[in-house]
Amino acid sequence: MQVAKWGNSLAVRLPASVVDALELREGDEIEIVIEAERTFAVRKAAGIDDLFARLRQFRGKLPADFKFSRDEANERG
């Protein structure tokens, strides 16, 4: 893959084999994830249906002593 200038940003053109393997279409969201030093993976980002399905898996599965802390959730690290 080649990195090219696109306005003030950089862009990567995905080879057809990656597009086909991930069943990508124009407008799809993807994630580029660093897996190890100088190694990355490209994956199709989860759609809204996928996100809701993942949320439903957690329904009723929080520990009985779980307490939500708004302050802790909003801490900046």
Protein backbone atom coordinates (compact mmCIF):
# COMPACT_ATOMS: atom_id res chain seq x y z
CA MET A 1 0.00 0.00 0.00
CA GLN A 2 1.15 3.50 -0.69
CA VAL A 3 0.62 6.56 1.50
CA ALA A 4 -0.42 9.65 -0.46
CA LYS A 5 -1.13 13.29 0.39
CA TRP A 6 -4.85 14.17 0.49
CA GLY A 7 -5.35 17.84 1.36
CA ASN A 8 -3.69 18.37 4.74
CA SER A 9 -3.97 14.65 5.57
CA LEU A 10 -2.44 11.38 4.43
CA ALA A 11 -4.43 8.61 2.77
CA VAL A 12 -3.87 4.91 2.14
CA ARG A 13 -5.31 3.22 -0.93
CA LEU A 14 -6.54 -0.27 -0.07
CA PRO A 15 -5.78 -3.06 -2.51
CA ALA A 16 -8.76 -4.80 -4.11
CA SER A 17 -7.94 -7.99 -2.20
CA VAL A 18 -8.45 -6.18 1.15
CA VAL A 19 -11.62 -4.50 -0.11
CA ASP A 20 -13.01 -7.85 -1.24
CA ALA A 21 -12.00 -9.69 1.95
CA LEU A 22 -13.68 -7.07 4.17
CA GLU A 23 -16.63 -6.61 1.78
CA LEU A 24 -16.07 -2.84 1.83
CA ARG A 25 -18.10 -0.28 -0.07
CA GLU A 26 -17.60 3.44 -0.53
CA GLY A 27 -18.59 5.23 2.67
CA ASP A 28 -17.93 2.27 5.00
CA GLU A 29 -16.03 3.00 8.19
CA ILE A 30 -12.84 1.04 8.89
CA GLU A 31 -10.46 0.80 11.83
CA ILE A 32 -6.70 0.58 11.56
CA VAL A 33 -5.36 -1.09 14.70
CA ILE A 34 -1.73 -1.30 15.79
CA GLU A 35 -1.07 -4.95 16.67
CA ALA A 36 2.67 -4.92 17.31
CA GLU A 37 5.67 -2.77 16.55
CA ARG A 38 5.36 -1.71 12.90
CA THR A 39 2.42 -4.09 12.35
CA PHE A 40 -1.22 -3.14 11.91
CA ALA A 41 -4.55 -4.63 10.92
CA VAL A 42 -7.39 -3.13 8.91
CA ARG A 43 -10.90 -4.14 9.84
CA LYS A 44 -14.38 -3.00 9.00
CA ALA A 45 -15.80 -0.85 11.79
CA ALA A 46 -18.85 -2.18 13.56
CA GLY A 47 -22.15 -0.87 12.26
CA ILE A 48 -25.00 0.24 14.51
CA ASP A 49 -26.62 -3.22 14.40
CA ASP A 50 -23.34 -4.84 15.46
CA LEU A 51 -22.93 -2.35 18.32
CA PHE A 52 -26.45 -2.99 19.62
CA ALA A 53 -25.89 -6.76 19.41
CA ARG A 54 -22.70 -6.39 21.49
CA LEU A 55 -24.52 -4.26 24.06
CA ARG A 56 -27.31 -6.85 24.37
CA GLN A 57 -24.70 -9.47 25.33
CA PHE A 58 -23.98 -7.52 28.53
CA ARG A 59 -27.61 -7.11 29.60
CA GLY A 60 -27.94 -8.31 33.18
CA LYS A 61 -24.30 -9.43 33.43
CA LEU A 62 -22.83 -6.73 35.65
CA PRO A 63 -21.56 -7.84 39.05
CA ALA A 64 -24.06 -7.36 41.88
CA ASP A 65 -21.70 -4.94 43.66
CA PHE A 66 -21.07 -2.80 40.55
CA LYS A 67 -21.41 0.94 41.12
CA PHE A 68 -21.15 3.46 38.29
CA SER A 69 -18.97 6.47 39.09
CA ARG A 70 -19.56 9.42 36.78
CA ASP A 71 -16.37 11.09 38.06
CA GLU A 72 -14.29 7.97 37.39
CA ALA A 73 -15.82 7.53 33.94
CA ASN A 74 -14.94 11.11 33.00
CA GLU A 75 -11.38 11.11 34.35
CA ARG A 76 -8.73 12.03 31.82
CA GLY A 77 -5.63 9.85 31.92
